[in-house]
Amino acid sequence: MEARPCQIVEFFDGTKQMMVPLFQRPYEWEEKHWRELWEDLLEQYERQESETIAPHFTGAIVTAPAKSNPVGVSKYLVIDGQQRMTTVSILICAVRSLLDPTTPKYRKLSKLLINEDDEGLDYYKLLPTQPDRLAFQQLIALEPVLETRFADAFEFFRKKIQGTDSDGNAIQVERLIETVQTATDGGRNPP
């Protein structure tokens, strides 16, 4: 197992799947957690160092290879960080929902959520625990199941994205995408 800082996007890039083991708890983050993540990202969004965005530490994410076929989707078990990883997926869905589906930006964000050439469960980059799967899959399809934490988080982030930064300026979606893509996990193992 290798431990090094990596960008969160590395967990979602390429043809792979992050599987939350059945013994892990379901998605439990609430508004206080979403707000904390948003405030951390917004701080990084607003910080400029020589016209670049400084990396944001999201917390540790630990994965381990899972038994899988030698061809197709590479599978990894999420040992630690599944709440953060799920929330980042929800945030990506919220950003994507505000874009025109025919644009390259929309398709690029979709590729962080799905394995577009695969079917069934392999289609999804993140596979939550069994009780959460249907609601999560509906969210990926931009058809959130009402009265679930996924739908609540999705709406929370949509409102924030359509809002303003601390100076009262409208959030720039492109800059927010860059901020999310430069977030790091602080030194754990990317797949």
Protein backbone atom coordinates (compact mmCIF):
# COMPACT_ATOMS: atom_id res chain seq x y z
CA MET A 1 0.00 0.00 0.00
CA GLU A 2 1.45 3.34 -1.08
CA ALA A 3 0.79 6.51 0.92
CA ARG A 4 1.24 9.83 -0.85
CA PRO A 5 -0.84 12.97 -1.35
CA CYS A 6 -3.00 12.74 -4.44
CA GLN A 7 -5.73 14.75 -6.03
CA ILE A 8 -9.24 13.55 -5.32
CA VAL A 9 -9.89 13.42 -9.05
CA GLU A 10 -7.40 10.50 -9.27
CA PHE A 11 -9.94 8.33 -7.44
CA PHE A 12 -12.51 9.09 -10.13
CA ASP A 13 -10.28 9.23 -13.20
CA GLY A 14 -10.01 6.29 -15.61
CA THR A 15 -12.01 3.07 -15.79
CA LYS A 16 -12.35 2.00 -12.18
CA GLN A 17 -14.81 1.56 -9.39
CA MET A 18 -14.57 2.48 -5.72
CA MET A 19 -16.71 0.01 -3.77
CA VAL A 20 -17.88 0.76 -0.25
CA PRO A 21 -17.79 -2.58 1.62
CA LEU A 22 -21.10 -3.86 2.96
CA PHE A 23 -19.87 -3.60 6.55
CA GLN A 24 -19.37 0.18 6.19
CA ARG A 25 -22.08 2.51 7.44
CA PRO A 26 -24.49 4.07 4.94
CA TYR A 27 -24.13 7.68 3.85
CA GLU A 28 -24.65 9.72 7.03
CA TRP A 29 -23.20 13.17 6.40
CA GLU A 30 -25.54 16.02 7.23
CA GLU A 31 -25.67 19.74 6.51
CA LYS A 32 -22.96 20.58 9.07
CA HIS A 33 -20.55 18.28 7.21
CA TRP A 34 -21.57 19.58 3.77
CA ARG A 35 -21.18 23.14 5.02
CA GLU A 36 -17.70 22.41 6.38
CA LEU A 37 -16.59 20.87 3.08
CA TRP A 38 -18.12 23.80 1.14
CA GLU A 39 -16.43 26.38 3.37
CA ASP A 40 -13.07 24.64 2.97
CA LEU A 41 -13.48 24.50 -0.81
CA LEU A 42 -14.69 28.10 -0.95
CA GLU A 43 -11.60 29.19 0.98
CA GLN A 44 -9.43 27.47 -1.62
CA TYR A 45 -11.61 28.83 -4.43
CA GLU A 46 -10.98 32.37 -3.22
CA ARG A 47 -7.27 31.93 -2.56
CA GLN A 48 -5.03 32.75 -5.46
CA GLU A 49 -1.31 32.15 -5.59
CA SER A 50 0.23 33.35 -8.83
CA GLU A 51 -3.06 32.84 -10.66
CA THR A 52 -3.27 29.19 -9.52
CA ILE A 53 -5.41 27.46 -6.94
CA ALA A 54 -3.64 25.98 -3.94
CA PRO A 55 -4.43 22.32 -3.20
CA HIS A 56 -7.17 21.65 -0.67
CA PHE A 57 -6.82 18.85 1.88
CA THR A 58 -10.07 16.88 2.08
CA GLY A 59 -9.01 14.29 4.62
CA ALA A 60 -7.63 10.81 4.21
CA ILE A 61 -9.04 8.34 1.74
CA VAL A 62 -7.73 4.80 1.93
CA THR A 63 -8.42 2.17 -0.72
CA ALA A 64 -7.29 -1.39 -1.32
CA PRO A 65 -7.50 -3.44 -4.52
CA ALA A 66 -10.50 -5.75 -4.62
CA LYS A 67 -10.64 -9.07 -6.40
CA SER A 68 -11.75 -8.38 -9.94
CA ASN A 69 -11.46 -9.65 -13.48
CA PRO A 70 -8.10 -9.01 -15.18
CA VAL A 71 -9.90 -6.99 -17.87
CA GLY A 72 -12.53 -4.29 -17.58
CA VAL A 73 -13.21 -2.13 -14.56
CA SER A 74 -10.50 -2.10 -11.88
CA LYS A 75 -12.16 -2.37 -8.48
CA TYR A 76 -11.04 -0.96 -5.15
CA LEU A 77 -12.50 -1.19 -1.67
CA VAL A 78 -12.89 2.10 0.15
CA ILE A 79 -11.40 1.39 3.57
CA ASP A 80 -11.60 4.96 4.89
CA GLY A 81 -13.08 8.15 3.49
CA GLN A 82 -16.29 6.87 1.94
CA GLN A 83 -18.34 9.75 3.40
CA ARG A 84 -15.98 12.32 1.83
CA MET A 85 -15.77 10.44 -1.45
CA THR A 86 -19.56 10.17 -1.65
CA THR A 87 -19.97 13.86 -0.83
CA VAL A 88 -17.48 14.87 -3.53
CA SER A 89 -19.49 12.75 -5.99
CA ILE A 90 -22.66 14.56 -4.93
CA LEU A 91 -20.93 17.91 -5.36
CA ILE A 92 -19.81 16.90 -8.86
CA CYS A 93 -23.42 15.93 -9.65
CA ALA A 94 -24.61 19.33 -8.42
CA VAL A 95 -22.10 21.19 -10.59
CA ARG A 96 -22.92 19.01 -13.58
CA SER A 97 -26.66 19.61 -13.15
CA LEU A 98 -26.10 23.32 -13.79
CA LEU A 99 -24.33 22.73 -17.12
CA ASP A 100 -25.68 22.16 -20.60
CA PRO A 101 -25.55 18.35 -21.21
CA THR A 102 -24.20 18.90 -24.72
CA THR A 103 -21.04 20.68 -23.53
CA PRO A 104 -17.57 19.18 -23.07
CA LYS A 105 -17.57 20.38 -19.41
CA TYR A 106 -20.68 18.32 -18.69
CA ARG A 107 -19.23 15.23 -20.36
CA LYS A 108 -15.90 15.68 -18.56
CA LEU A 109 -17.66 15.78 -15.17
CA SER A 110 -19.81 12.78 -16.14
CA LYS A 111 -16.62 10.78 -16.76
CA LEU A 112 -15.70 11.36 -13.11
CA LEU A 113 -18.96 9.69 -12.07
CA ILE A 114 -19.45 6.86 -14.55
CA ASN A 115 -17.55 4.31 -16.61
CA GLU A 116 -19.39 5.24 -19.79
CA ASP A 117 -18.46 2.10 -21.75
CA ASP A 118 -19.59 -0.30 -19.05
CA GLU A 119 -22.97 -1.62 -17.94
CA GLY A 120 -24.72 -2.73 -14.80
CA LEU A 121 -23.00 -1.88 -11.55
CA ASP A 122 -19.67 -1.43 -13.37
CA TYR A 123 -21.17 1.72 -14.91
CA TYR A 124 -20.71 3.62 -11.61
CA LYS A 125 -17.33 4.94 -10.41
CA LEU A 126 -18.54 4.84 -6.82
CA LEU A 127 -20.65 1.98 -5.55
CA PRO A 128 -22.10 2.76 -2.10
CA THR A 129 -23.37 0.16 0.35
CA GLN A 130 -26.46 -1.77 -0.71
CA PRO A 131 -29.04 0.40 1.14
CA ASP A 132 -27.68 3.55 -0.59
CA ARG A 133 -27.20 2.25 -4.13
CA LEU A 134 -30.56 3.03 -5.70
CA ALA A 135 -30.71 6.60 -4.35
CA PHE A 136 -27.10 7.21 -5.42
CA GLN A 137 -27.67 5.77 -8.90
CA GLN A 138 -30.74 7.98 -9.32
CA LEU A 139 -28.64 10.98 -8.32
CA ILE A 140 -26.01 10.13 -10.95
CA ALA A 141 -28.88 10.08 -13.48
CA LEU A 142 -29.83 13.56 -12.15
CA GLU A 143 -33.12 12.19 -10.86
CA PRO A 144 -32.58 12.49 -7.08
CA VAL A 145 -34.86 10.47 -4.85
CA LEU A 146 -36.59 13.02 -2.61
CA GLU A 147 -36.16 12.89 1.13
CA THR A 148 -32.79 11.14 1.04
CA ARG A 149 -29.47 12.50 2.25
CA PHE A 150 -28.28 12.34 -1.35
CA ALA A 151 -31.07 14.64 -2.55
CA ASP A 152 -30.61 16.96 0.43
CA ALA A 153 -26.85 17.24 -0.16
CA PHE A 154 -27.42 17.72 -3.90
CA GLU A 155 -29.80 20.64 -3.26
CA PHE A 156 -27.48 22.11 -0.63
CA PHE A 157 -24.59 22.21 -3.10
CA ARG A 158 -26.74 23.45 -6.01
CA LYS A 159 -27.83 26.43 -3.91
CA LYS A 160 -24.25 27.15 -2.84
CA ILE A 161 -22.96 26.93 -6.42
CA GLN A 162 -25.67 29.32 -7.58
CA GLY A 163 -24.81 31.68 -4.72
CA THR A 164 -21.89 33.97 -4.04
CA ASP A 165 -18.43 33.85 -2.54
CA SER A 166 -17.53 35.71 0.67
CA ASP A 167 -17.07 38.95 -1.32
CA GLY A 168 -20.57 38.73 -2.78
CA ASN A 169 -19.37 37.70 -6.26
CA ALA A 170 -21.22 34.97 -8.16
CA ILE A 171 -19.53 31.57 -7.98
CA GLN A 172 -17.69 30.83 -11.22
CA VAL A 173 -18.43 27.21 -12.09
CA GLU A 174 -15.20 26.70 -14.05
CA ARG A 175 -13.08 27.92 -11.12
CA LEU A 176 -15.07 25.74 -8.70
CA ILE A 177 -14.41 22.71 -10.91
CA GLU A 178 -10.67 23.51 -10.83
CA THR A 179 -10.81 23.83 -7.03
CA VAL A 180 -12.49 20.42 -6.65
CA GLN A 181 -10.04 18.83 -9.08
CA THR A 182 -7.01 20.12 -7.14
CA ALA A 183 -8.28 18.91 -3.77
CA THR A 184 -5.92 16.36 -2.22
CA ASP A 185 -6.50 13.47 0.14
CA GLY A 186 -3.43 14.27 2.21
CA GLY A 187 -1.25 11.27 1.58
CA ARG A 188 -3.20 8.09 1.17
CA ASN A 189 -3.17 5.59 -1.63
CA PRO A 190 -4.83 6.37 -4.94
CA PRO A 191 -5.84 3.41 -7.08
